[in-house]
């Protein structure tokens, strides 16, 4: 059994969770905040059999796209906007995925 932790952009989370649910996976959504841009993300928890883990990754890659966003340079430090901040182009979206082995699983 595998536990898949997928950290996805909020803009992609509803589509990704709906696609996973449609494929028959049980998905738990957690609201999280990233440390780099200090913006909201969604962490999806998906439990599945070992042989279905690759399919979960395929569904996530289809529904979690990357895009470029312009952000002030001080934004990543949580200092907010300043008049003298320089804009930067950063890539957002996609997914950061951890696949963990599960020793036991019990549904109560």
PDB file of N, CA and C in Angstrom:
ATOM      1  N   UNK A   1       0.844  -1.173   0.000  1.00  0.00           N
ATOM      2  CA  UNK A   1       0.000   0.000   0.000  1.00  0.00           C
ATOM      3  C   UNK A   1       0.884   1.229   0.000  1.00  0.00           C
ATOM      4  N   UNK A   2       0.421   2.274  -0.658  1.00  0.00           N
ATOM      5  CA  UNK A   2       1.149   3.538  -0.738  1.00  0.00           C
ATOM      6  C   UNK A   2       0.279   4.681  -0.222  1.00  0.00           C
ATOM      7  N   UNK A   3       0.925   5.650   0.401  1.00  0.00           N
ATOM      8  CA  UNK A   3       0.299   6.919   0.752  1.00  0.00           C
ATOM      9  C   UNK A   3       0.974   7.972  -0.105  1.00  0.00           C
ATOM     10  N   UNK A   4       0.181   8.668  -0.910  1.00  0.00           N
ATOM     11  CA  UNK A   4       0.714   9.686  -1.799  1.00  0.00           C
ATOM     12  C   UNK A   4       0.329  11.054  -1.253  1.00  0.00           C
ATOM     13  N   UNK A   5       1.333  11.883  -0.991  1.00  0.00           N
ATOM     14  CA  UNK A   5       1.142  13.266  -0.562  1.00  0.00           C
ATOM     15  C   UNK A   5       1.450  14.141  -1.762  1.00  0.00           C
ATOM     16  N   UNK A   6       0.460  14.851  -2.250  1.00  0.00           N
ATOM     17  CA  UNK A   6       0.654  15.712  -3.413  1.00  0.00           C
ATOM     18  C   UNK A   6       0.354  17.147  -3.013  1.00  0.00           C
ATOM     19  N   UNK A   7       1.357  18.008  -3.092  1.00  0.00           N
ATOM     20  CA  UNK A   7       1.194  19.426  -2.794  1.00  0.00           C
ATOM     21  C   UNK A   7       0.958  20.130  -4.119  1.00  0.00           C
ATOM     22  N   UNK A   8      -0.246  20.674  -4.287  1.00  0.00           N
ATOM     23  CA  UNK A   8      -0.630  21.277  -5.562  1.00  0.00           C
ATOM     24  C   UNK A   8      -1.091  22.710  -5.349  1.00  0.00           C
ATOM     25  N   UNK A   9      -1.021  23.495  -6.390  1.00  0.00           N
ATOM     26  CA  UNK A   9      -1.498  24.872  -6.365  1.00  0.00           C
ATOM     27  C   UNK A   9      -3.009  24.881  -6.152  1.00  0.00           C
ATOM     28  N   UNK A  10      -3.510  25.834  -5.390  1.00  0.00           N
ATOM     29  CA  UNK A  10      -4.950  25.923  -5.154  1.00  0.00           C
ATOM     30  C   UNK A  10      -5.750  25.978  -6.452  1.00  0.00           C
ATOM     31  N   UNK A  11      -5.198  26.612  -7.484  1.00  0.00           N
ATOM     32  CA  UNK A  11      -5.904  26.722  -8.758  1.00  0.00           C
ATOM     33  C   UNK A  11      -6.114  25.367  -9.420  1.00  0.00           C
ATOM     34  N   UNK A  12      -5.265  24.391  -9.114  1.00  0.00           N
ATOM     35  CA  UNK A  12      -5.345  23.065  -9.725  1.00  0.00           C
ATOM     36  C   UNK A  12      -6.022  22.030  -8.831  1.00  0.00           C
ATOM     37  N   UNK A  13      -6.188  22.323  -7.567  1.00  0.00           N
ATOM     38  CA  UNK A  13      -6.594  21.296  -6.603  1.00  0.00           C
ATOM     39  C   UNK A  13      -7.986  20.729  -6.858  1.00  0.00           C
ATOM     40  N   UNK A  14      -8.948  21.557  -7.202  1.00  0.00           N
ATOM     41  CA  UNK A  14     -10.313  21.057  -7.417  1.00  0.00           C
ATOM     42  C   UNK A  14     -10.363  20.111  -8.614  1.00  0.00           C
ATOM     43  N   UNK A  15      -9.692  20.484  -9.712  1.00  0.00           N
ATOM     44  CA  UNK A  15      -9.671  19.616 -10.901  1.00  0.00           C
ATOM     45  C   UNK A  15      -8.955  18.302 -10.608  1.00  0.00           C
ATOM     46  N   UNK A  16      -7.834  18.368  -9.920  1.00  0.00           N
ATOM     47  CA  UNK A  16      -7.066  17.159  -9.620  1.00  0.00           C
ATOM     48  C   UNK A  16      -7.850  16.237  -8.690  1.00  0.00           C
ATOM     49  N   UNK A  17      -8.444  16.787  -7.641  1.00  0.00           N
ATOM     50  CA  UNK A  17      -9.210  15.965  -6.697  1.00  0.00           C
ATOM     51  C   UNK A  17     -10.427  15.343  -7.378  1.00  0.00           C
ATOM     52  N   UNK A  18     -11.105  16.098  -8.234  1.00  0.00           N
ATOM     53  CA  UNK A  18     -12.272  15.572  -8.942  1.00  0.00           C
ATOM     54  C   UNK A  18     -11.869  14.442  -9.881  1.00  0.00           C
ATOM     55  N   UNK A  19     -10.747  14.605 -10.584  1.00  0.00           N
ATOM     56  CA  UNK A  19     -10.279  13.566 -11.507  1.00  0.00           C
ATOM     57  C   UNK A  19      -9.884  12.301 -10.748  1.00  0.00           C
ATOM     58  N   UNK A  20      -9.224  12.463  -9.612  1.00  0.00           N
ATOM     59  CA  UNK A  20      -8.838  11.305  -8.811  1.00  0.00           C
ATOM     60  C   UNK A  20     -10.070  10.583  -8.260  1.00  0.00           C
ATOM     61  N   UNK A  21     -11.043  11.350  -7.798  1.00  0.00           N
ATOM     62  CA  UNK A  21     -12.279  10.758  -7.280  1.00  0.00           C
ATOM     63  C   UNK A  21     -13.020  10.013  -8.388  1.00  0.00           C
ATOM     64  N   UNK A  22     -13.053  10.595  -9.576  1.00  0.00           N
ATOM     65  CA  UNK A  22     -13.711   9.958 -10.722  1.00  0.00           C
ATOM     66  C   UNK A  22     -13.039   8.623 -11.058  1.00  0.00           C
ATOM     67  N   UNK A  23     -11.723   8.538 -10.851  1.00  0.00           N
ATOM     68  CA  UNK A  23     -10.980   7.300 -11.105  1.00  0.00           C
ATOM     69  C   UNK A  23     -11.155   6.277  -9.979  1.00  0.00           C
ATOM     70  N   UNK A  24     -11.869   6.672  -8.911  1.00  0.00           N
ATOM     71  CA  UNK A  24     -12.146   5.735  -7.818  1.00  0.00           C
ATOM     72  C   UNK A  24     -11.228   5.834  -6.621  1.00  0.00           C
ATOM     73  N   UNK A  25     -10.389   6.851  -6.562  1.00  0.00           N
ATOM     74  CA  UNK A  25      -9.494   7.034  -5.418  1.00  0.00           C
ATOM     75  C   UNK A  25     -10.176   7.859  -4.342  1.00  0.00           C
ATOM     76  N   UNK A  26      -9.841   7.569  -3.103  1.00  0.00           N
ATOM     77  CA  UNK A  26     -10.303   8.376  -1.985  1.00  0.00           C
ATOM     78  C   UNK A  26      -9.259   9.463  -1.749  1.00  0.00           C
ATOM     79  N   UNK A  27      -9.710  10.715  -1.686  1.00  0.00           N
ATOM     80  CA  UNK A  27      -8.801  11.855  -1.587  1.00  0.00           C
ATOM     81  C   UNK A  27      -9.190  12.709  -0.386  1.00  0.00           C
ATOM     82  N   UNK A  28      -8.210  13.058   0.425  1.00  0.00           N
ATOM     83  CA  UNK A  28      -8.408  13.994   1.522  1.00  0.00           C
ATOM     84  C   UNK A  28      -7.654  15.265   1.186  1.00  0.00           C
ATOM     85  N   UNK A  29      -8.328  16.417   1.296  1.00  0.00           N
ATOM     86  CA  UNK A  29      -7.718  17.706   0.973  1.00  0.00           C
ATOM     87  C   UNK A  29      -7.383  18.452   2.257  1.00  0.00           C
ATOM     88  N   UNK A  30      -6.164  18.966   2.317  1.00  0.00           N
ATOM     89  CA  UNK A  30      -5.713  19.792   3.436  1.00  0.00           C
ATOM     90  C   UNK A  30      -5.284  21.148   2.901  1.00  0.00           C
ATOM     91  N   UNK A  31      -5.690  22.211   3.561  1.00  0.00           N
ATOM     92  CA  UNK A  31      -5.229  23.552   3.187  1.00  0.00           C
ATOM     93  C   UNK A  31      -3.850  23.766   3.796  1.00  0.00           C
ATOM     94  N   UNK A  32      -2.893  24.131   2.946  1.00  0.00           N
ATOM     95  CA  UNK A  32      -1.524  24.349   3.403  1.00  0.00           C
ATOM     96  C   UNK A  32      -0.986  25.641   2.806  1.00  0.00           C
ATOM     97  N   UNK A  33       0.129  26.119   3.349  1.00  0.00           N
ATOM     98  CA  UNK A  33       0.754  27.337   2.852  1.00  0.00           C
ATOM     99  C   UNK A  33       2.207  27.047   2.522  1.00  0.00           C
ATOM    100  N   UNK A  34       2.613  27.449   1.324  1.00  0.00           N
ATOM    101  CA  UNK A  34       3.995  27.239   0.911  1.00  0.00           C
ATOM    102  C   UNK A  34       4.927  28.248   1.558  1.00  0.00           C
ATOM    103  N   UNK A  35       6.168  27.875   1.732  1.00  0.00           N
ATOM    104  CA  UNK A  35       7.139  28.751   2.369  1.00  0.00           C
ATOM    105  C   UNK A  35       7.819  29.725   1.428  1.00  0.00           C
ATOM    106  N   UNK A  36       7.792  29.444   0.120  1.00  0.00           N
ATOM    107  CA  UNK A  36       8.516  30.299  -0.819  1.00  0.00           C
ATOM    108  C   UNK A  36       7.692  31.529  -1.192  1.00  0.00           C
ATOM    109  N   UNK A  37       6.508  31.336  -1.736  1.00  0.00           N
ATOM    110  CA  UNK A  37       5.676  32.476  -2.135  1.00  0.00           C
ATOM    111  C   UNK A  37       4.681  32.887  -1.060  1.00  0.00           C
ATOM    112  N   UNK A  38       4.599  32.106   0.008  1.00  0.00           N
ATOM    113  CA  UNK A  38       3.682  32.396   1.118  1.00  0.00           C
ATOM    114  C   UNK A  38       2.234  32.480   0.640  1.00  0.00           C
ATOM    115  N   UNK A  39       1.867  31.606  -0.275  1.00  0.00           N
ATOM    116  CA  UNK A  39       0.496  31.552  -0.776  1.00  0.00           C
ATOM    117  C   UNK A  39      -0.081  30.182  -0.480  1.00  0.00           C
ATOM    118  N   UNK A  40      -1.395  30.095  -0.550  1.00  0.00           N
ATOM    119  CA  UNK A  40      -2.081  28.858  -0.238  1.00  0.00           C
ATOM    120  C   UNK A  40      -1.839  27.762  -1.255  1.00  0.00           C
ATOM    121  N   UNK A  41      -1.685  26.578  -0.760  1.00  0.00           N
ATOM    122  CA  UNK A  41      -1.602  25.369  -1.560  1.00  0.00           C
ATOM    123  C   UNK A  41      -2.639  24.407  -1.015  1.00  0.00           C
ATOM    124  N   UNK A  42      -2.785  23.289  -1.681  1.00  0.00           N
ATOM    125  CA  UNK A  42      -3.610  22.208  -1.181  1.00  0.00           C
ATOM    126  C   UNK A  42      -2.750  20.961  -1.162  1.00  0.00           C
ATOM    127  N   UNK A  43      -2.769  20.253  -0.054  1.00  0.00           N
ATOM    128  CA  UNK A  43      -2.081  18.975   0.027  1.00  0.00           C
ATOM    129  C   UNK A  43      -3.136  17.884  -0.065  1.00  0.00           C
ATOM    130  N   UNK A  44      -2.979  17.026  -1.057  1.00  0.00           N
ATOM    131  CA  UNK A  44      -3.891  15.910  -1.257  1.00  0.00           C
ATOM    132  C   UNK A  44      -3.271  14.653  -0.667  1.00  0.00           C
ATOM    133  N   UNK A  45      -4.048  13.926   0.124  1.00  0.00           N
ATOM    134  CA  UNK A  45      -3.616  12.646   0.676  1.00  0.00           C
ATOM    135  C   UNK A  45      -4.385  11.562  -0.061  1.00  0.00           C
ATOM    136  N   UNK A  46      -3.675  10.641  -0.694  1.00  0.00           N
ATOM    137  CA  UNK A  46      -4.304   9.581  -1.465  1.00  0.00           C
ATOM    138  C   UNK A  46      -3.690   8.254  -1.032  1.00  0.00           C
ATOM    139  N   UNK A  47      -4.520   7.355  -0.564  1.00  0.00           N
ATOM    140  CA  UNK A  47      -4.066   6.008  -0.233  1.00  0.00           C
ATOM    141  C   UNK A  47      -4.465   5.070  -1.359  1.00  0.00           C
ATOM    142  N   UNK A  48      -3.523   4.213  -1.800  1.00  0.00           N
ATOM    143  CA  UNK A  48      -3.817   3.311  -2.911  1.00  0.00           C
ATOM    144  C   UNK A  48      -2.920   2.082  -2.853  1.00  0.00           C
ATOM    145  N   UNK A  49      -3.304   1.079  -3.620  1.00  0.00           N
ATOM    146  CA  UNK A  49      -2.484  -0.128  -3.746  1.00  0.00           C
ATOM    147  C   UNK A  49      -1.214   0.222  -4.530  1.00  0.00           C
ATOM    148  N   UNK A  50      -0.168  -0.553  -4.303  1.00  0.00           N
ATOM    149  CA  UNK A  50       1.127  -0.290  -4.936  1.00  0.00           C
ATOM    150  C   UNK A  50       1.024  -0.174  -6.453  1.00  0.00           C
ATOM    151  N   UNK A  51       0.286  -1.076  -7.081  1.00  0.00           N
ATOM    152  CA  UNK A  51       0.225  -1.108  -8.544  1.00  0.00           C
ATOM    153  C   UNK A  51      -0.562   0.055  -9.144  1.00  0.00           C
ATOM    154  N   UNK A  52      -1.317   0.802  -8.336  1.00  0.00           N
ATOM    155  CA  UNK A  52      -2.097   1.927  -8.842  1.00  0.00           C
ATOM    156  C   UNK A  52      -1.417   3.281  -8.617  1.00  0.00           C
ATOM    157  N   UNK A  53      -0.273   3.284  -7.973  1.00  0.00           N
ATOM    158  CA  UNK A  53       0.412   4.540  -7.658  1.00  0.00           C
ATOM    159  C   UNK A  53       0.822   5.294  -8.923  1.00  0.00           C
ATOM    160  N   UNK A  54       1.271   4.571  -9.947  1.00  0.00           N
ATOM    161  CA  UNK A  54       1.670   5.239 -11.190  1.00  0.00           C
ATOM    162  C   UNK A  54       0.488   5.929 -11.851  1.00  0.00           C
ATOM    163  N   UNK A  55      -0.690   5.332 -11.763  1.00  0.00           N
ATOM    164  CA  UNK A  55      -1.875   5.951 -12.341  1.00  0.00           C
ATOM    165  C   UNK A  55      -2.215   7.253 -11.613  1.00  0.00           C
ATOM    166  N   UNK A  56      -2.059   7.277 -10.306  1.00  0.00           N
ATOM    167  CA  UNK A  56      -2.306   8.506  -9.535  1.00  0.00           C
ATOM    168  C   UNK A  56      -1.369   9.609 -10.030  1.00  0.00           C
ATOM    169  N   UNK A  57      -0.105   9.272 -10.244  1.00  0.00           N
ATOM    170  CA  UNK A  57       0.862  10.258 -10.732  1.00  0.00           C
ATOM    171  C   UNK A  57       0.484  10.769 -12.120  1.00  0.00           C
ATOM    172  N   UNK A  58      -0.027   9.897 -12.962  1.00  0.00           N
ATOM    173  CA  UNK A  58      -0.460  10.313 -14.303  1.00  0.00           C
ATOM    174  C   UNK A  58      -1.638  11.279 -14.219  1.00  0.00           C
ATOM    175  N   UNK A  59      -2.607  10.979 -13.365  1.00  0.00           N
ATOM    176  CA  UNK A  59      -3.772  11.862 -13.203  1.00  0.00           C
ATOM    177  C   UNK A  59      -3.320  13.226 -12.686  1.00  0.00           C
ATOM    178  N   UNK A  60      -2.424  13.226 -11.713  1.00  0.00           N
ATOM    179  CA  UNK A  60      -1.925  14.498 -11.173  1.00  0.00           C
ATOM    180  C   UNK A  60      -1.189  15.296 -12.242  1.00  0.00           C
ATOM    181  N   UNK A  61      -0.368  14.638 -13.052  1.00  0.00           N
ATOM    182  CA  UNK A  61       0.380  15.370 -14.076  1.00  0.00           C
ATOM    183  C   UNK A  61      -0.540  15.948 -15.145  1.00  0.00           C
ATOM    184  N   UNK A  62      -1.671  15.329 -15.392  1.00  0.00           N
ATOM    185  CA  UNK A  62      -2.632  15.835 -16.374  1.00  0.00           C
ATOM    186  C   UNK A  62      -3.386  17.063 -15.868  1.00  0.00           C
ATOM    187  N   UNK A  63      -3.548  17.184 -14.548  1.00  0.00           N
ATOM    188  CA  UNK A  63      -4.409  18.233 -14.002  1.00  0.00           C
ATOM    189  C   UNK A  63      -3.681  19.291 -13.176  1.00  0.00           C
ATOM    190  N   UNK A  64      -2.379  19.174 -13.040  1.00  0.00           N
ATOM    191  CA  UNK A  64      -1.601  20.152 -12.269  1.00  0.00           C
ATOM    192  C   UNK A  64      -0.560  20.773 -13.193  1.00  0.00           C
ATOM    193  N   UNK A  65      -0.927  21.893 -13.800  1.00  0.00           N
ATOM    194  CA  UNK A  65      -0.053  22.513 -14.794  1.00  0.00           C
ATOM    195  C   UNK A  65       0.810  23.607 -14.172  1.00  0.00           C
ATOM    196  N   UNK A  66       1.976  23.802 -14.766  1.00  0.00           N
ATOM    197  CA  UNK A  66       2.840  24.894 -14.319  1.00  0.00           C
ATOM    198  C   UNK A  66       2.552  26.133 -15.161  1.00  0.00           C
ATOM    199  N   UNK A  67       2.782  27.287 -14.584  1.00  0.00           N
ATOM    200  CA  UNK A  67       2.593  28.559 -15.274  1.00  0.00           C
ATOM    201  C   UNK A  67       3.523  29.585 -14.641  1.00  0.00           C
ATOM    202  N   UNK A  68       3.747  30.670 -15.353  1.00  0.00           N
ATOM    203  CA  UNK A  68       4.623  31.736 -14.875  1.00  0.00           C
ATOM    204  C   UNK A  68       3.790  32.822 -14.217  1.00  0.00           C
ATOM    205  N   UNK A  69       4.296  33.315 -13.097  1.00  0.00           N
ATOM    206  CA  UNK A  69       3.606  34.358 -12.345  1.00  0.00           C
ATOM    207  C   UNK A  69       4.622  35.443 -12.015  1.00  0.00           C
ATOM    208  N   UNK A  70       4.209  36.687 -12.115  1.00  0.00           N
ATOM    209  CA  UNK A  70       5.069  37.812 -11.743  1.00  0.00           C
ATOM    210  C   UNK A  70       4.803  38.136 -10.279  1.00  0.00           C
ATOM    211  N   UNK A  71       5.876  38.214  -9.498  1.00  0.00           N
ATOM    212  CA  UNK A  71       5.732  38.490  -8.077  1.00  0.00           C
ATOM    213  C   UNK A  71       6.868  39.422  -7.628  1.00  0.00           C
ATOM    214  N   UNK A  72       6.595  40.299  -6.679  1.00  0.00           N
ATOM    215  CA  UNK A  72       7.652  41.171  -6.158  1.00  0.00           C
ATOM    216  C   UNK A  72       8.728  40.356  -5.458  1.00  0.00           C
ATOM    217  N   UNK A  73       9.978  40.826  -5.484  1.00  0.00           N
ATOM    218  CA  UNK A  73      11.088  40.075  -4.904  1.00  0.00           C
ATOM    219  C   UNK A  73      10.937  39.912  -3.400  1.00  0.00           C
ATOM    220  N   UNK A  74      10.337  40.858  -2.708  1.00  0.00           N
ATOM    221  CA  UNK A  74      10.199  40.763  -1.253  1.00  0.00           C
ATOM    222  C   UNK A  74       9.043  39.870  -0.840  1.00  0.00           C
ATOM    223  N   UNK A  75       8.221  39.446  -1.793  1.00  0.00           N
ATOM    224  CA  UNK A  75       7.044  38.647  -1.468  1.00  0.00           C
ATOM    225  C   UNK A  75       7.406  37.320  -0.807  1.00  0.00           C
ATOM    226  N   UNK A  76       8.487  36.689  -1.261  1.00  0.00           N
ATOM    227  CA  UNK A  76       8.861  35.387  -0.721  1.00  0.00           C
ATOM    228  C   UNK A  76       9.357  35.475   0.718  1.00  0.00           C
ATOM    229  N   UNK A  77       9.694  36.662   1.186  1.00  0.00           N
ATOM    230  CA  UNK A  77      10.151  36.828   2.558  1.00  0.00           C
ATOM    231  C   UNK A  77       9.024  37.228   3.496  1.00  0.00           C
ATOM    232  N   UNK A  78       7.808  37.314   2.996  1.00  0.00           N
ATOM    233  CA  UNK A  78       6.671  37.641   3.829  1.00  0.00           C
ATOM    234  C   UNK A  78       6.624  39.092   4.271  1.00  0.00           C
ATOM    235  N   UNK A  79       7.358  39.982   3.591  1.00  0.00           N
ATOM    236  CA  UNK A  79       7.407  41.377   3.995  1.00  0.00           C
ATOM    237  C   UNK A  79       6.358  42.214   3.281  1.00  0.00           C
ATOM    238  N   UNK A  80       5.651  41.603   2.351  1.00  0.00           N
ATOM    239  CA  UNK A  80       4.618  42.344   1.645  1.00  0.00           C
ATOM    240  C   UNK A  80       5.183  43.199   0.534  1.00  0.00           C
ATOM    241  N   UNK A  81       4.333  44.040   0.000  1.00  0.00           N
ATOM    242  CA  UNK A  81       4.717  44.879  -1.128  1.00  0.00           C
ATOM    243  C   UNK A  81       5.399  46.152  -0.645  1.00  0.00           C
ATOM    244  N   UNK A  82       6.420  46.558  -1.370  1.00  0.00           N
ATOM    245  CA  UNK A  82       7.090  47.820  -1.103  1.00  0.00           C
ATOM    246  C   UNK A  82       7.244  48.536  -2.425  1.00  0.00           C
ATOM    247  N   UNK A  83       7.370  49.845  -2.352  1.00  0.00           N
ATOM    248  CA  UNK A  83       7.523  50.634  -3.576  1.00  0.00           C
ATOM    249  C   UNK A  83       8.788  50.278  -4.339  1.00  0.00           C
ATOM    250  N   UNK A  84       9.843  49.890  -3.631  1.00  0.00           N
ATOM    251  CA  UNK A  84      11.122  49.645  -4.295  1.00  0.00           C
ATOM    252  C   UNK A  84      11.348  48.170  -4.627  1.00  0.00           C
ATOM    253  N   UNK A  85      10.335  47.334  -4.495  1.00  0.00           N
ATOM    254  CA  UNK A  85      10.532  45.911  -4.776  1.00  0.00           C
ATOM    255  C   UNK A  85      10.613  45.673  -6.286  1.00  0.00           C
ATOM    256  N   UNK A  86      11.459  44.738  -6.654  1.00  0.00           N
ATOM    257  CA  UNK A  86      11.671  44.389  -8.053  1.00  0.00           C
ATOM    258  C   UNK A  86      10.843  43.152  -8.365  1.00  0.00           C
ATOM    259  N   UNK A  87      10.093  43.194  -9.457  1.00  0.00           N
ATOM    260  CA  UNK A  87       9.276  42.046  -9.824  1.00  0.00           C
ATOM    261  C   UNK A  87      10.151  40.915 -10.333  1.00  0.00           C
ATOM    262  N   UNK A  88       9.714  39.687 -10.042  1.00  0.00           N
ATOM    263  CA  UNK A  88      10.408  38.506 -10.522  1.00  0.00           C
ATOM    264  C   UNK A  88       9.401  37.596 -11.199  1.00  0.00           C
ATOM    265  N   UNK A  89       9.849  36.863 -12.167  1.00  0.00           N
ATOM    266  CA  UNK A  89       9.032  35.864 -12.831  1.00  0.00           C
ATOM    267  C   UNK A  89       9.338  34.512 -12.197  1.00  0.00           C
ATOM    268  N   UNK A  90       8.337  33.857 -11.636  1.00  0.00           N
ATOM    269  CA  UNK A  90       8.523  32.552 -11.002  1.00  0.00           C
ATOM    270  C   UNK A  90       7.544  31.552 -11.606  1.00  0.00           C
ATOM    271  N   UNK A  91       7.931  30.300 -11.588  1.00  0.00           N
ATOM    272  CA  UNK A  91       7.059  29.233 -12.061  1.00  0.00           C
ATOM    273  C   UNK A  91       6.258  28.713 -10.887  1.00  0.00           C
ATOM    274  N   UNK A  92       4.936  28.670 -11.040  1.00  0.00           N
ATOM    275  CA  UNK A  92       4.051  28.153 -10.001  1.00  0.00           C
ATOM    276  C   UNK A  92       3.226  27.018 -10.597  1.00  0.00           C
ATOM    277  N   UNK A  93       2.557  26.316  -9.740  1.00  0.00           N
ATOM    278  CA  UNK A  93       1.710  25.220 -10.194  1.00  0.00           C
ATOM    279  C   UNK A  93       2.478  23.921 -10.223  1.00  0.00           C
ATOM    280  N   UNK A  94       1.954  22.984 -10.977  1.00  0.00           N
ATOM    281  CA  UNK A  94       2.546  21.651 -10.979  1.00  0.00           C
ATOM    282  C   UNK A  94       2.195  20.958  -9.677  1.00  0.00           C
ATOM    283  N   UNK A  95       2.975  20.003  -9.309  1.00  0.00           N
ATOM    284  CA  UNK A  95       2.741  19.282  -8.059  1.00  0.00           C
ATOM    285  C   UNK A  95       4.071  18.776  -7.521  1.00  0.00           C
ATOM    286  N   UNK A  96       4.189  18.790  -6.214  1.00  0.00           N
ATOM    287  CA  UNK A  96       5.297  18.140  -5.534  1.00  0.00           C
ATOM    288  C   UNK A  96       4.698  16.909  -4.874  1.00  0.00           C
ATOM    289  N   UNK A  97       5.204  15.740  -5.230  1.00  0.00           N
ATOM    290  CA  UNK A  97       4.557  14.490  -4.827  1.00  0.00           C
ATOM    291  C   UNK A  97       5.538  13.613  -4.057  1.00  0.00           C
ATOM    292  N   UNK A  98       5.073  13.103  -2.919  1.00  0.00           N
ATOM    293  CA  UNK A  98       5.818  12.140  -2.113  1.00  0.00           C
ATOM    294  C   UNK A  98       5.024  10.839  -2.122  1.00  0.00           C
ATOM    295  N   UNK A  99       5.686   9.741  -2.430  1.00  0.00           N
ATOM    296  CA  UNK A  99       5.044   8.425  -2.407  1.00  0.00           C
ATOM    297  C   UNK A  99       5.691   7.643  -1.265  1.00  0.00           C
ATOM    298  N   UNK A 100       4.877   7.304  -0.266  1.00  0.00           N
ATOM    299  CA  UNK A 100       5.374   6.644   0.941  1.00  0.00           C
ATOM    300  C   UNK A 100       4.806   5.234   1.037  1.00  0.00           C
ATOM    301  N   UNK A 101       5.629   4.303   1.485  1.00  0.00           N
ATOM    302  CA  UNK A 101       5.153   2.954   1.727  1.00  0.00           C
ATOM    303  C   UNK A 101       4.419   2.913   3.061  1.00  0.00           C
ATOM    304  N   UNK A 102       3.320   2.172   3.079  1.00  0.00           N
ATOM    305  CA  UNK A 102       2.498   2.049   4.290  1.00  0.00           C
ATOM    306  C   UNK A 102       2.587   0.620   4.786  1.00  0.00           C
ATOM    307  N   UNK A 103       2.968   0.451   6.051  1.00  0.00           N
ATOM    308  CA  UNK A 103       3.094  -0.882   6.624  1.00  0.00           C
ATOM    309  C   UNK A 103       1.737  -1.517   6.932  1.00  0.00           C
ATOM    310  N   UNK A 104       0.817  -0.692   7.416  1.00  0.00           N
ATOM    311  CA  UNK A 104      -0.521  -1.227   7.700  1.00  0.00           C
ATOM    312  C   UNK A 104      -1.554  -0.140   7.473  1.00  0.00           C
ATOM    313  N   UNK A 105      -2.761  -0.565   7.214  1.00  0.00           N
ATOM    314  CA  UNK A 105      -3.864   0.349   6.915  1.00  0.00           C
ATOM    315  C   UNK A 105      -5.132  -0.240   7.524  1.00  0.00           C
ATOM    316  N   UNK A 106      -5.844   0.559   8.284  1.00  0.00           N
ATOM    317  CA  UNK A 106      -7.109   0.131   8.883  1.00  0.00           C
ATOM    318  C   UNK A 106      -8.117   1.229   8.688  1.00  0.00           C
ATOM    319  N   UNK A 107      -9.268   0.869   8.170  1.00  0.00           N
ATOM    320  CA  UNK A 107     -10.352   1.839   7.992  1.00  0.00           C
ATOM    321  C   UNK A 107     -11.412   1.523   9.041  1.00  0.00           C
ATOM    322  N   UNK A 108     -11.608   2.431   9.976  1.00  0.00           N
ATOM    323  CA  UNK A 108     -12.570   2.218  11.075  1.00  0.00           C
ATOM    324  C   UNK A 108     -13.881   2.923  10.813  1.00  0.00           C
TER     325      UNK A 108
END
